[in-house]
Amino acid sequence: MAEIIAGCMHLIENAKKACESADVKPIIIPIRGGTDGCQLSFKGLPCPNLGTGGHAYHGPYEHITVEGMDKSVDVIIELVKLYA
């Protein structure tokens, strides 16, 4: 996926700015190939993955807090402001 996003680094930079504006520490790591965002990127719509605030994914203890969901909404709002 890196080769798709490499030509659109404004997506990563703006996601980072949105996180910082929402008081969320951005964690930028390489993306593996099985995500919806990866599939869409290879179909022509570059979209890096944004976190959801969840924990213990794909296991019996997978969960998310209300506070985590609220922060995810805050990040999305800040991201929309950057592109509006």
PDB file of N, CA and C in Angstrom:
ATOM      1  N   MET A   1       0.814  -1.190   0.000  1.00  0.00           N
ATOM      2  CA  MET A   1       0.000   0.000   0.000  1.00  0.00           C
ATOM      3  C   MET A   1       0.860   1.257   0.000  1.00  0.00           C
ATOM      4  N   ALA A   2       2.083   1.147   0.438  1.00  0.00           N
ATOM      5  CA  ALA A   2       2.965   2.316   0.519  1.00  0.00           C
ATOM      6  C   ALA A   2       3.110   3.011  -0.827  1.00  0.00           C
ATOM      7  N   GLU A   3       3.158   2.225  -1.906  1.00  0.00           N
ATOM      8  CA  GLU A   3       3.337   2.839  -3.222  1.00  0.00           C
ATOM      9  C   GLU A   3       2.119   3.667  -3.641  1.00  0.00           C
ATOM     10  N   ILE A   4       0.959   3.335  -3.154  1.00  0.00           N
ATOM     11  CA  ILE A   4      -0.251   4.109  -3.472  1.00  0.00           C
ATOM     12  C   ILE A   4      -0.259   5.414  -2.671  1.00  0.00           C
ATOM     13  N   ILE A   5       0.001   5.314  -1.383  1.00  0.00           N
ATOM     14  CA  ILE A   5      -0.049   6.476  -0.495  1.00  0.00           C
ATOM     15  C   ILE A   5       1.124   7.423  -0.741  1.00  0.00           C
ATOM     16  N   ALA A   6       2.243   6.910  -1.231  1.00  0.00           N
ATOM     17  CA  ALA A   6       3.433   7.742  -1.437  1.00  0.00           C
ATOM     18  C   ALA A   6       3.145   8.963  -2.298  1.00  0.00           C
ATOM     19  N   GLY A   7       2.254   8.849  -3.250  1.00  0.00           N
ATOM     20  CA  GLY A   7       1.917   9.973  -4.110  1.00  0.00           C
ATOM     21  C   GLY A   7       0.865  10.902  -3.519  1.00  0.00           C
ATOM     22  N   CYS A   8       0.414  10.581  -2.330  1.00  0.00           N
ATOM     23  CA  CYS A   8      -0.671  11.351  -1.687  1.00  0.00           C
ATOM     24  C   CYS A   8      -0.353  11.614  -0.219  1.00  0.00           C
ATOM     25  N   MET A   9       0.847  12.037   0.050  1.00  0.00           N
ATOM     26  CA  MET A   9       1.261  12.187   1.449  1.00  0.00           C
ATOM     27  C   MET A   9       0.473  13.250   2.211  1.00  0.00           C
ATOM     28  N   HIS A  10      -0.248  14.112   1.485  1.00  0.00           N
ATOM     29  CA  HIS A  10      -1.101  15.082   2.180  1.00  0.00           C
ATOM     30  C   HIS A  10      -2.137  14.363   3.037  1.00  0.00           C
ATOM     31  N   LEU A  11      -2.536  13.156   2.631  1.00  0.00           N
ATOM     32  CA  LEU A  11      -3.489  12.379   3.433  1.00  0.00           C
ATOM     33  C   LEU A  11      -2.917  12.045   4.798  1.00  0.00           C
ATOM     34  N   ILE A  12      -1.673  11.616   4.814  1.00  0.00           N
ATOM     35  CA  ILE A  12      -1.017  11.264   6.076  1.00  0.00           C
ATOM     36  C   ILE A  12      -0.766  12.518   6.906  1.00  0.00           C
ATOM     37  N   GLU A  13      -0.254  13.561   6.261  1.00  0.00           N
ATOM     38  CA  GLU A  13       0.044  14.803   6.984  1.00  0.00           C
ATOM     39  C   GLU A  13      -1.220  15.416   7.583  1.00  0.00           C
ATOM     40  N   ASN A  14      -2.304  15.421   6.829  1.00  0.00           N
ATOM     41  CA  ASN A  14      -3.540  15.992   7.358  1.00  0.00           C
ATOM     42  C   ASN A  14      -4.159  15.110   8.444  1.00  0.00           C
ATOM     43  N   ALA A  15      -4.041  13.809   8.312  1.00  0.00           N
ATOM     44  CA  ALA A  15      -4.522  12.925   9.377  1.00  0.00           C
ATOM     45  C   ALA A  15      -3.723  13.167  10.659  1.00  0.00           C
ATOM     46  N   LYS A  16      -2.415  13.364  10.503  1.00  0.00           N
ATOM     47  CA  LYS A  16      -1.568  13.665  11.659  1.00  0.00           C
ATOM     48  C   LYS A  16      -1.977  14.990  12.301  1.00  0.00           C
ATOM     49  N   LYS A  17      -2.206  16.012  11.484  1.00  0.00           N
ATOM     50  CA  LYS A  17      -2.641  17.311  12.013  1.00  0.00           C
ATOM     51  C   LYS A  17      -3.994  17.190  12.720  1.00  0.00           C
ATOM     52  N   ALA A  18      -4.908  16.430  12.129  1.00  0.00           N
ATOM     53  CA  ALA A  18      -6.229  16.252  12.727  1.00  0.00           C
ATOM     54  C   ALA A  18      -6.120  15.563  14.086  1.00  0.00           C
ATOM     55  N   CYS A  19      -5.275  14.557  14.171  1.00  0.00           N
ATOM     56  CA  CYS A  19      -5.065  13.875  15.454  1.00  0.00           C
ATOM     57  C   CYS A  19      -4.534  14.847  16.494  1.00  0.00           C
ATOM     58  N   GLU A  20      -3.527  15.598  16.112  1.00  0.00           N
ATOM     59  CA  GLU A  20      -2.930  16.546  17.048  1.00  0.00           C
ATOM     60  C   GLU A  20      -3.931  17.602  17.493  1.00  0.00           C
ATOM     61  N   SER A  21      -4.773  18.077  16.570  1.00  0.00           N
ATOM     62  CA  SER A  21      -5.794  19.074  16.920  1.00  0.00           C
ATOM     63  C   SER A  21      -6.843  18.503  17.871  1.00  0.00           C
ATOM     64  N   ALA A  22      -7.048  17.197  17.800  1.00  0.00           N
ATOM     65  CA  ALA A  22      -8.027  16.534  18.662  1.00  0.00           C
ATOM     66  C   ALA A  22      -7.379  15.987  19.936  1.00  0.00           C
ATOM     67  N   ASP A  23      -6.133  16.361  20.189  1.00  0.00           N
ATOM     68  CA  ASP A  23      -5.389  15.872  21.361  1.00  0.00           C
ATOM     69  C   ASP A  23      -5.240  14.358  21.368  1.00  0.00           C
ATOM     70  N   VAL A  24      -4.973  13.793  20.184  1.00  0.00           N
ATOM     71  CA  VAL A  24      -4.712  12.367  20.034  1.00  0.00           C
ATOM     72  C   VAL A  24      -3.298  12.228  19.496  1.00  0.00           C
ATOM     73  N   LYS A  25      -2.495  11.404  20.134  1.00  0.00           N
ATOM     74  CA  LYS A  25      -1.126  11.196  19.655  1.00  0.00           C
ATOM     75  C   LYS A  25      -1.165  10.293  18.424  1.00  0.00           C
ATOM     76  N   PRO A  26      -0.762  10.824  17.264  1.00  0.00           N
ATOM     77  CA  PRO A  26      -0.800   9.989  16.056  1.00  0.00           C
ATOM     78  C   PRO A  26       0.277   8.907  16.097  1.00  0.00           C
ATOM     79  N   ILE A  27      -0.105   7.737  15.658  1.00  0.00           N
ATOM     80  CA  ILE A  27       0.831   6.622  15.521  1.00  0.00           C
ATOM     81  C   ILE A  27       0.823   6.250  14.044  1.00  0.00           C
ATOM     82  N   ILE A  28       1.932   6.478  13.381  1.00  0.00           N
ATOM     83  CA  ILE A  28       2.007   6.239  11.942  1.00  0.00           C
ATOM     84  C   ILE A  28       2.843   4.985  11.713  1.00  0.00           C
ATOM     85  N   ILE A  29       2.173   3.958  11.205  1.00  0.00           N
ATOM     86  CA  ILE A  29       2.836   2.674  10.956  1.00  0.00           C
ATOM     87  C   ILE A  29       2.440   2.180   9.563  1.00  0.00           C
ATOM     88  N   PRO A  30       3.250   1.308   8.972  1.00  0.00           N
ATOM     89  CA  PRO A  30       2.891   0.754   7.660  1.00  0.00           C
ATOM     90  C   PRO A  30       1.572  -0.019   7.740  1.00  0.00           C
ATOM     91  N   ILE A  31       0.858  -0.001   6.638  1.00  0.00           N
ATOM     92  CA  ILE A  31      -0.450  -0.641   6.574  1.00  0.00           C
ATOM     93  C   ILE A  31      -0.321  -1.961   5.823  1.00  0.00           C
ATOM     94  N   ARG A  32      -0.917  -2.992   6.366  1.00  0.00           N
ATOM     95  CA  ARG A  32      -0.914  -4.280   5.676  1.00  0.00           C
ATOM     96  C   ARG A  32      -2.017  -4.318   4.625  1.00  0.00           C
ATOM     97  N   GLY A  33      -2.097  -5.383   3.882  1.00  0.00           N
ATOM     98  CA  GLY A  33      -2.963  -5.438   2.722  1.00  0.00           C
ATOM     99  C   GLY A  33      -4.399  -5.858   2.903  1.00  0.00           C
ATOM    100  N   GLY A  34      -4.855  -6.249   4.058  1.00  0.00           N
ATOM    101  CA  GLY A  34      -6.195  -6.801   4.169  1.00  0.00           C
ATOM    102  C   GLY A  34      -7.290  -5.832   4.557  1.00  0.00           C
ATOM    103  N   THR A  35      -6.982  -4.573   4.699  1.00  0.00           N
ATOM    104  CA  THR A  35      -7.981  -3.626   5.186  1.00  0.00           C
ATOM    105  C   THR A  35      -8.858  -3.106   4.051  1.00  0.00           C
ATOM    106  N   ASP A  36     -10.021  -2.590   4.414  1.00  0.00           N
ATOM    107  CA  ASP A  36     -10.895  -1.966   3.418  1.00  0.00           C
ATOM    108  C   ASP A  36     -10.194  -0.790   2.756  1.00  0.00           C
ATOM    109  N   GLY A  37      -9.484   0.011   3.566  1.00  0.00           N
ATOM    110  CA  GLY A  37      -8.756   1.154   3.019  1.00  0.00           C
ATOM    111  C   GLY A  37      -7.727   0.743   1.995  1.00  0.00           C
ATOM    112  N   CYS A  38      -7.072  -0.365   2.235  1.00  0.00           N
ATOM    113  CA  CYS A  38      -6.076  -0.868   1.286  1.00  0.00           C
ATOM    114  C   CYS A  38      -6.754  -1.288  -0.014  1.00  0.00           C
ATOM    115  N   GLN A  39      -7.842  -1.997   0.102  1.00  0.00           N
ATOM    116  CA  GLN A  39      -8.564  -2.429  -1.098  1.00  0.00           C
ATOM    117  C   GLN A  39      -9.043  -1.232  -1.916  1.00  0.00           C
ATOM    118  N   LEU A  40      -9.599  -0.229  -1.242  1.00  0.00           N
ATOM    119  CA  LEU A  40     -10.047   0.978  -1.946  1.00  0.00           C
ATOM    120  C   LEU A  40      -8.878   1.723  -2.582  1.00  0.00           C
ATOM    121  N   SER A  41      -7.752   1.763  -1.883  1.00  0.00           N
ATOM    122  CA  SER A  41      -6.573   2.455  -2.417  1.00  0.00           C
ATOM    123  C   SER A  41      -6.122   1.828  -3.731  1.00  0.00           C
ATOM    124  N   PHE A  42      -6.097   0.514  -3.779  1.00  0.00           N
ATOM    125  CA  PHE A  42      -5.665  -0.161  -5.004  1.00  0.00           C
ATOM    126  C   PHE A  42      -6.702  -0.056  -6.118  1.00  0.00           C
ATOM    127  N   LYS A  43      -7.921   0.343  -5.771  1.00  0.00           N
ATOM    128  CA  LYS A  43      -8.956   0.566  -6.788  1.00  0.00           C
ATOM    129  C   LYS A  43      -9.017   2.029  -7.221  1.00  0.00           C
ATOM    130  N   GLY A  44      -8.083   2.866  -6.716  1.00  0.00           N
ATOM    131  CA  GLY A  44      -7.992   4.244  -7.173  1.00  0.00           C
ATOM    132  C   GLY A  44      -8.429   5.309  -6.187  1.00  0.00           C
ATOM    133  N   LEU A  45      -8.831   4.928  -4.986  1.00  0.00           N
ATOM    134  CA  LEU A  45      -9.238   5.903  -3.974  1.00  0.00           C
ATOM    135  C   LEU A  45      -8.295   5.786  -2.779  1.00  0.00           C
ATOM    136  N   PRO A  46      -7.159   6.512  -2.798  1.00  0.00           N
ATOM    137  CA  PRO A  46      -6.189   6.392  -1.708  1.00  0.00           C
ATOM    138  C   PRO A  46      -6.816   6.748  -0.359  1.00  0.00           C
ATOM    139  N   CYS A  47      -6.762   5.838   0.572  1.00  0.00           N
ATOM    140  CA  CYS A  47      -7.340   6.118   1.895  1.00  0.00           C
ATOM    141  C   CYS A  47      -6.563   5.387   2.987  1.00  0.00           C
ATOM    142  N   PRO A  48      -5.720   6.132   3.677  1.00  0.00           N
ATOM    143  CA  PRO A  48      -5.017   5.540   4.809  1.00  0.00           C
ATOM    144  C   PRO A  48      -6.008   5.181   5.914  1.00  0.00           C
ATOM    145  N   ASN A  49      -5.659   4.217   6.709  1.00  0.00           N
ATOM    146  CA  ASN A  49      -6.513   3.791   7.808  1.00  0.00           C
ATOM    147  C   ASN A  49      -6.420   4.771   8.967  1.00  0.00           C
ATOM    148  N   LEU A  50      -7.551   5.102   9.527  1.00  0.00           N
ATOM    149  CA  LEU A  50      -7.611   5.904  10.745  1.00  0.00           C
ATOM    150  C   LEU A  50      -8.039   4.983  11.870  1.00  0.00           C
ATOM    151  N   GLY A  51      -7.497   5.196  13.038  1.00  0.00           N
ATOM    152  CA  GLY A  51      -7.846   4.352  14.172  1.00  0.00           C
ATOM    153  C   GLY A  51      -9.278   4.565  14.632  1.00  0.00           C
ATOM    154  N   THR A  52      -9.793   3.582  15.327  1.00  0.00           N
ATOM    155  CA  THR A  52     -11.148   3.662  15.859  1.00  0.00           C
ATOM    156  C   THR A  52     -11.160   3.828  17.369  1.00  0.00           C
ATOM    157  N   GLY A  53     -10.018   3.649  18.000  1.00  0.00           N
ATOM    158  CA  GLY A  53      -9.964   3.717  19.454  1.00  0.00           C
ATOM    159  C   GLY A  53     -10.220   2.379  20.120  1.00  0.00           C
ATOM    160  N   GLY A  54     -10.326   1.335  19.331  1.00  0.00           N
ATOM    161  CA  GLY A  54     -10.604   0.007  19.875  1.00  0.00           C
ATOM    162  C   GLY A  54      -9.361  -0.667  20.431  1.00  0.00           C
ATOM    163  N   HIS A  55      -9.593  -1.792  21.063  1.00  0.00           N
ATOM    164  CA  HIS A  55      -8.516  -2.575  21.694  1.00  0.00           C
ATOM    165  C   HIS A  55      -8.760  -4.065  21.469  1.00  0.00           C
ATOM    166  N   ALA A  56      -7.703  -4.849  21.506  1.00  0.00           N
ATOM    167  CA  ALA A  56      -7.757  -6.321  21.458  1.00  0.00           C
ATOM    168  C   ALA A  56      -8.542  -6.827  20.240  1.00  0.00           C
ATOM    169  N   TYR A  57      -8.226  -6.265  19.079  1.00  0.00           N
ATOM    170  CA  TYR A  57      -8.957  -6.601  17.864  1.00  0.00           C
ATOM    171  C   TYR A  57      -8.927  -8.090  17.531  1.00  0.00           C
ATOM    172  N   HIS A  58     -10.020  -8.558  16.942  1.00  0.00           N
ATOM    173  CA  HIS A  58     -10.166  -9.917  16.404  1.00  0.00           C
ATOM    174  C   HIS A  58     -10.012 -11.004  17.463  1.00  0.00           C
ATOM    175  N   GLY A  59     -10.375 -10.691  18.655  1.00  0.00           N
ATOM    176  CA  GLY A  59     -10.314 -11.686  19.723  1.00  0.00           C
ATOM    177  C   GLY A  59     -11.546 -11.587  20.602  1.00  0.00           C
ATOM    178  N   PRO A  60     -11.641 -12.453  21.574  1.00  0.00           N
ATOM    179  CA  PRO A  60     -12.837 -12.476  22.428  1.00  0.00           C
ATOM    180  C   PRO A  60     -12.976 -11.249  23.319  1.00  0.00           C
ATOM    181  N   TYR A  61     -11.901 -10.490  23.487  1.00  0.00           N
ATOM    182  CA  TYR A  61     -11.946  -9.308  24.352  1.00  0.00           C
ATOM    183  C   TYR A  61     -11.914  -7.995  23.574  1.00  0.00           C
ATOM    184  N   GLU A  62     -12.208  -8.072  22.273  1.00  0.00           N
ATOM    185  CA  GLU A  62     -12.239  -6.862  21.465  1.00  0.00           C
ATOM    186  C   GLU A  62     -13.272  -5.901  22.052  1.00  0.00           C
ATOM    187  N   HIS A  63     -12.864  -4.638  22.184  1.00  0.00           N
ATOM    188  CA  HIS A  63     -13.764  -3.658  22.787  1.00  0.00           C
ATOM    189  C   HIS A  63     -13.347  -2.241  22.411  1.00  0.00           C
ATOM    190  N   ILE A  64     -14.227  -1.303  22.700  1.00  0.00           N
ATOM    191  CA  ILE A  64     -13.944   0.115  22.528  1.00  0.00           C
ATOM    192  C   ILE A  64     -14.672   0.857  23.642  1.00  0.00           C
ATOM    193  N   THR A  65     -14.071   1.919  24.092  1.00  0.00           N
ATOM    194  CA  THR A  65     -14.716   2.735  25.125  1.00  0.00           C
ATOM    195  C   THR A  65     -15.495   3.868  24.480  1.00  0.00           C
ATOM    196  N   VAL A  66     -16.432   4.406  25.206  1.00  0.00           N
ATOM    197  CA  VAL A  66     -17.176   5.571  24.723  1.00  0.00           C
ATOM    198  C   VAL A  66     -16.203   6.724  24.494  1.00  0.00           C
ATOM    199  N   GLU A  67     -15.237   6.869  25.393  1.00  0.00           N
ATOM    200  CA  GLU A  67     -14.244   7.941  25.246  1.00  0.00           C
ATOM    201  C   GLU A  67     -13.424   7.750  23.970  1.00  0.00           C
ATOM    202  N   GLY A  68     -13.088   6.499  23.653  1.00  0.00           N
ATOM    203  CA  GLY A  68     -12.349   6.213  22.421  1.00  0.00           C
ATOM    204  C   GLY A  68     -13.155   6.558  21.184  1.00  0.00           C
ATOM    205  N   MET A  69     -14.436   6.232  21.218  1.00  0.00           N
ATOM    206  CA  MET A  69     -15.299   6.581  20.088  1.00  0.00           C
ATOM    207  C   MET A  69     -15.434   8.096  19.950  1.00  0.00           C
ATOM    208  N   ASP A  70     -15.572   8.773  21.086  1.00  0.00           N
ATOM    209  CA  ASP A  70     -15.668  10.237  21.054  1.00  0.00           C
ATOM    210  C   ASP A  70     -14.414  10.855  20.437  1.00  0.00           C
ATOM    211  N   LYS A  71     -13.249  10.341  20.808  1.00  0.00           N
ATOM    212  CA  LYS A  71     -11.994  10.867  20.258  1.00  0.00           C
ATOM    213  C   LYS A  71     -11.901  10.596  18.761  1.00  0.00           C
ATOM    214  N   SER A  72     -12.380   9.446  18.329  1.00  0.00           N
ATOM    215  CA  SER A  72     -12.381   9.135  16.897  1.00  0.00           C
ATOM    216  C   SER A  72     -13.240  10.139  16.135  1.00  0.00           C
ATOM    217  N   VAL A  73     -14.388  10.485  16.693  1.00  0.00           N
ATOM    218  CA  VAL A  73     -15.251  11.495  16.078  1.00  0.00           C
ATOM    219  C   VAL A  73     -14.535  12.839  16.033  1.00  0.00           C
ATOM    220  N   ASP A  74     -13.857  13.189  17.117  1.00  0.00           N
ATOM    221  CA  ASP A  74     -13.117  14.454  17.153  1.00  0.00           C
ATOM    222  C   ASP A  74     -12.075  14.514  16.037  1.00  0.00           C
ATOM    223  N   VAL A  75     -11.365  13.415  15.819  1.00  0.00           N
ATOM    224  CA  VAL A  75     -10.349  13.363  14.762  1.00  0.00           C
ATOM    225  C   VAL A  75     -10.998  13.557  13.397  1.00  0.00           C
ATOM    226  N   ILE A  76     -12.112  12.881  13.153  1.00  0.00           N
ATOM    227  CA  ILE A  76     -12.796  13.014  11.868  1.00  0.00           C
ATOM    228  C   ILE A  76     -13.268  14.451  11.642  1.00  0.00           C
ATOM    229  N   ILE A  77     -13.813  15.070  12.670  1.00  0.00           N
ATOM    230  CA  ILE A  77     -14.253  16.464  12.540  1.00  0.00           C
ATOM    231  C   ILE A  77     -13.083  17.371  12.178  1.00  0.00           C
ATOM    232  N   GLU A  78     -11.950  17.180  12.845  1.00  0.00           N
ATOM    233  CA  GLU A  78     -10.766  17.991  12.546  1.00  0.00           C
ATOM    234  C   GLU A  78     -10.269  17.731  11.122  1.00  0.00           C
ATOM    235  N   LEU A  79     -10.358  16.505  10.692  1.00  0.00           N
ATOM    236  CA  LEU A  79      -9.925  16.156   9.323  1.00  0.00           C
ATOM    237  C   LEU A  79     -10.835  16.821   8.287  1.00  0.00           C
ATOM    238  N   VAL A  80     -12.117  16.802   8.532  1.00  0.00           N
ATOM    239  CA  VAL A  80     -13.053  17.481   7.626  1.00  0.00           C
ATOM    240  C   VAL A  80     -12.762  18.973   7.571  1.00  0.00           C
ATOM    241  N   LYS A  81     -12.456  19.571   8.709  1.00  0.00           N
ATOM    242  CA  LYS A  81     -12.131  21.008   8.747  1.00  0.00           C
ATOM    243  C   LYS A  81     -10.913  21.312   7.869  1.00  0.00           C
ATOM    244  N   LEU A  82      -9.937  20.410   7.865  1.00  0.00           N
ATOM    245  CA  LEU A  82      -8.734  20.640   7.053  1.00  0.00           C
ATOM    246  C   LEU A  82      -9.027  20.612   5.564  1.00  0.00           C
ATOM    247  N   TYR A  83      -9.987  19.816   5.150  1.00  0.00           N
ATOM    248  CA  TYR A  83     -10.313  19.694   3.733  1.00  0.00           C
ATOM    249  C   TYR A  83     -11.467  20.578   3.294  1.00  0.00           C
ATOM    250  N   ALA A  84     -12.187  21.176   4.263  1.00  0.00           N
ATOM    251  CA  ALA A  84     -13.354  22.012   3.908  1.00  0.00           C
ATOM    252  C   ALA A  84     -12.926  23.360   3.358  1.00  0.00           C
TER     253      ALA A  84
END
